[in-house]
Amino acid sequence: MSTLLSTENELVNNLHQDTTCDRFGCYNLPSEKFNVSAGTFGTITLNLCSKCVKVFQEGNSSSNRSVL
């Protein structure tokens, strides 16, 4: 039963993470995945709304986008 509960919690957490834009202070729905270099740590993927994509595009020329 604990496996079922942990799976359910993981699904709820994943669902919650995908419902809002990853930019701090923005609560819009994400429309695109945006890959950003994290230096020596590799690349991170952000789920961003269309307004916030523009902010990250201006500051990061080596990014990669895909529509959700």
N, C-alpha and C. Protein backbone atom coordinates (compact mmCIF):
# COMPACT_ATOMS: atom_id res chain seq x y z
N MET A 1 0.80 -1.19 0.00
CA MET A 1 0.00 0.00 0.00
C MET A 1 0.85 1.27 0.00
N SER A 2 2.01 1.22 0.63
CA SER A 2 2.87 2.40 0.64
C SER A 2 3.38 2.74 -0.76
N THR A 3 3.55 1.72 -1.62
CA THR A 3 3.97 1.96 -2.99
C THR A 3 2.91 2.74 -3.74
N LEU A 4 1.66 2.37 -3.56
CA LEU A 4 0.56 3.07 -4.21
C LEU A 4 0.50 4.52 -3.74
N LEU A 5 0.65 4.74 -2.45
CA LEU A 5 0.62 6.09 -1.90
C LEU A 5 1.78 6.93 -2.43
N SER A 6 2.98 6.38 -2.51
CA SER A 6 4.13 7.14 -3.01
C SER A 6 3.97 7.45 -4.49
N THR A 7 3.40 6.52 -5.26
CA THR A 7 3.15 6.76 -6.68
C THR A 7 2.12 7.86 -6.85
N GLU A 8 1.08 7.83 -6.03
CA GLU A 8 0.05 8.87 -6.09
C GLU A 8 0.64 10.23 -5.74
N ASN A 9 1.47 10.29 -4.71
CA ASN A 9 2.10 11.55 -4.33
C ASN A 9 3.01 12.08 -5.44
N GLU A 10 3.74 11.18 -6.07
CA GLU A 10 4.62 11.59 -7.17
C GLU A 10 3.81 12.15 -8.33
N LEU A 11 2.69 11.52 -8.67
CA LEU A 11 1.83 12.02 -9.75
C LEU A 11 1.26 13.39 -9.42
N VAL A 12 0.83 13.59 -8.18
CA VAL A 12 0.29 14.88 -7.76
C VAL A 12 1.37 15.95 -7.84
N ASN A 13 2.58 15.64 -7.39
CA ASN A 13 3.68 16.60 -7.45
C ASN A 13 4.02 16.95 -8.89
N ASN A 14 4.08 15.97 -9.77
CA ASN A 14 4.37 16.22 -11.18
C ASN A 14 3.28 17.05 -11.82
N LEU A 15 2.04 16.76 -11.51
CA LEU A 15 0.92 17.51 -12.06
C LEU A 15 1.00 18.97 -11.62
N HIS A 16 1.29 19.19 -10.34
CA HIS A 16 1.38 20.55 -9.81
C HIS A 16 2.53 21.31 -10.45
N GLN A 17 3.65 20.66 -10.67
CA GLN A 17 4.81 21.33 -11.25
C GLN A 17 4.55 21.78 -12.68
N ASP A 18 3.75 21.05 -13.42
CA ASP A 18 3.51 21.38 -14.82
C ASP A 18 2.36 22.37 -15.02
N THR A 19 1.74 22.83 -13.95
CA THR A 19 0.58 23.70 -14.12
C THR A 19 0.93 25.17 -14.11
N THR A 20 2.13 25.54 -13.70
CA THR A 20 2.51 26.95 -13.70
C THR A 20 3.87 27.15 -14.33
N CYS A 21 4.09 28.33 -14.81
CA CYS A 21 5.36 28.73 -15.41
C CYS A 21 6.47 28.63 -14.35
N ASP A 22 7.68 28.25 -14.78
CA ASP A 22 8.79 28.08 -13.84
C ASP A 22 9.50 29.38 -13.46
N ARG A 23 9.17 30.48 -14.11
CA ARG A 23 9.80 31.75 -13.75
C ARG A 23 9.25 32.22 -12.41
N PHE A 24 10.13 32.66 -11.53
CA PHE A 24 9.73 33.09 -10.19
C PHE A 24 8.69 34.20 -10.27
N GLY A 25 7.59 34.02 -9.57
CA GLY A 25 6.55 35.04 -9.49
C GLY A 25 5.52 34.98 -10.60
N CYS A 26 5.70 34.07 -11.57
CA CYS A 26 4.73 33.95 -12.67
C CYS A 26 3.86 32.74 -12.42
N TYR A 27 2.57 32.91 -12.58
CA TYR A 27 1.63 31.82 -12.34
C TYR A 27 0.82 31.47 -13.58
N ASN A 28 1.30 31.89 -14.75
CA ASN A 28 0.64 31.55 -16.01
C ASN A 28 0.87 30.08 -16.35
N LEU A 29 0.06 29.56 -17.25
CA LEU A 29 0.26 28.19 -17.72
C LEU A 29 1.45 28.15 -18.68
N PRO A 30 2.31 27.16 -18.56
CA PRO A 30 3.45 27.06 -19.48
C PRO A 30 2.99 26.65 -20.87
N SER A 31 3.68 27.18 -21.87
CA SER A 31 3.35 26.82 -23.25
C SER A 31 4.55 26.25 -23.99
N GLU A 32 5.75 26.41 -23.42
CA GLU A 32 6.96 25.93 -24.08
C GLU A 32 7.96 25.40 -23.07
N LYS A 33 8.74 24.42 -23.53
CA LYS A 33 9.89 23.95 -22.75
C LYS A 33 11.10 24.70 -23.27
N PHE A 34 11.92 25.19 -22.37
CA PHE A 34 13.05 26.04 -22.72
C PHE A 34 14.29 25.49 -22.04
N ASN A 35 15.26 25.03 -22.82
CA ASN A 35 16.51 24.49 -22.26
C ASN A 35 17.51 25.62 -22.07
N VAL A 36 18.07 25.69 -20.88
CA VAL A 36 19.00 26.75 -20.52
C VAL A 36 20.29 26.13 -19.98
N SER A 37 21.42 26.66 -20.41
CA SER A 37 22.70 26.17 -19.92
C SER A 37 22.84 26.51 -18.45
N ALA A 38 23.29 25.51 -17.67
CA ALA A 38 23.55 25.70 -16.25
C ALA A 38 25.05 25.57 -15.98
N GLY A 39 25.85 25.95 -16.95
CA GLY A 39 27.30 25.91 -16.81
C GLY A 39 27.82 24.50 -16.66
N THR A 40 28.64 24.27 -15.66
CA THR A 40 29.26 22.96 -15.45
C THR A 40 28.24 21.90 -15.03
N PHE A 41 27.04 22.32 -14.67
CA PHE A 41 26.00 21.38 -14.25
C PHE A 41 25.21 20.83 -15.43
N GLY A 42 25.45 21.33 -16.62
CA GLY A 42 24.75 20.85 -17.81
C GLY A 42 23.64 21.79 -18.23
N THR A 43 22.51 21.21 -18.61
CA THR A 43 21.37 21.98 -19.11
C THR A 43 20.16 21.68 -18.24
N ILE A 44 19.36 22.72 -17.98
CA ILE A 44 18.10 22.51 -17.27
C ILE A 44 16.95 22.88 -18.20
N THR A 45 15.83 22.24 -18.01
CA THR A 45 14.64 22.51 -18.81
C THR A 45 13.63 23.27 -17.96
N LEU A 46 13.20 24.41 -18.48
CA LEU A 46 12.19 25.22 -17.81
C LEU A 46 10.89 25.15 -18.59
N ASN A 47 9.77 25.06 -17.90
CA ASN A 47 8.45 25.16 -18.52
C ASN A 47 8.00 26.60 -18.36
N LEU A 48 7.92 27.32 -19.48
CA LEU A 48 7.65 28.76 -19.43
C LEU A 48 6.42 29.13 -20.23
N CYS A 49 5.75 30.20 -19.79
CA CYS A 49 4.66 30.77 -20.57
C CYS A 49 5.26 31.61 -21.70
N SER A 50 4.44 32.02 -22.64
CA SER A 50 4.95 32.75 -23.80
C SER A 50 5.58 34.10 -23.42
N LYS A 51 5.09 34.74 -22.37
CA LYS A 51 5.67 36.01 -21.94
C LYS A 51 7.08 35.82 -21.37
N CYS A 52 7.25 34.77 -20.57
CA CYS A 52 8.53 34.54 -19.90
C CYS A 52 9.58 33.97 -20.85
N VAL A 53 9.15 33.29 -21.92
CA VAL A 53 10.11 32.79 -22.91
C VAL A 53 10.91 33.96 -23.47
N LYS A 54 10.24 35.08 -23.71
CA LYS A 54 10.91 36.26 -24.27
C LYS A 54 12.00 36.77 -23.33
N VAL A 55 11.76 36.73 -22.04
CA VAL A 55 12.74 37.18 -21.05
C VAL A 55 13.99 36.30 -21.12
N PHE A 56 13.80 34.99 -21.19
CA PHE A 56 14.94 34.07 -21.23
C PHE A 56 15.65 34.11 -22.58
N GLN A 57 14.93 34.39 -23.65
CA GLN A 57 15.55 34.48 -24.98
C GLN A 57 16.52 35.65 -25.02
N GLU A 58 16.13 36.76 -24.45
CA GLU A 58 16.98 37.96 -24.47
C GLU A 58 18.28 37.74 -23.71
N GLY A 59 18.24 36.97 -22.63
CA GLY A 59 19.42 36.79 -21.78
C GLY A 59 20.24 35.57 -22.08
N ASN A 60 19.77 34.69 -22.98
CA ASN A 60 20.47 33.43 -23.20
C ASN A 60 20.43 33.09 -24.69
N SER A 61 21.53 33.30 -25.38
CA SER A 61 21.58 33.05 -26.80
C SER A 61 21.77 31.58 -27.14
N SER A 62 22.23 30.75 -26.18
CA SER A 62 22.47 29.33 -26.45
C SER A 62 21.36 28.47 -25.85
N SER A 63 20.13 28.86 -26.08
CA SER A 63 19.00 28.13 -25.53
C SER A 63 18.33 27.30 -26.63
N ASN A 64 17.45 26.42 -26.20
CA ASN A 64 16.76 25.54 -27.11
C ASN A 64 15.30 25.46 -26.66
N ARG A 65 14.34 25.66 -27.58
CA ARG A 65 12.93 25.71 -27.23
C ARG A 65 12.15 24.59 -27.88
N SER A 66 11.06 24.18 -27.24
CA SER A 66 10.10 23.29 -27.85
C SER A 66 8.73 23.60 -27.27
N VAL A 67 7.71 23.47 -28.11
CA VAL A 67 6.34 23.77 -27.69
C VAL A 67 5.79 22.60 -26.91
N LEU A 68 5.07 22.89 -25.81
CA LEU A 68 4.47 21.83 -24.99
C LEU A 68 3.26 21.26 -25.66
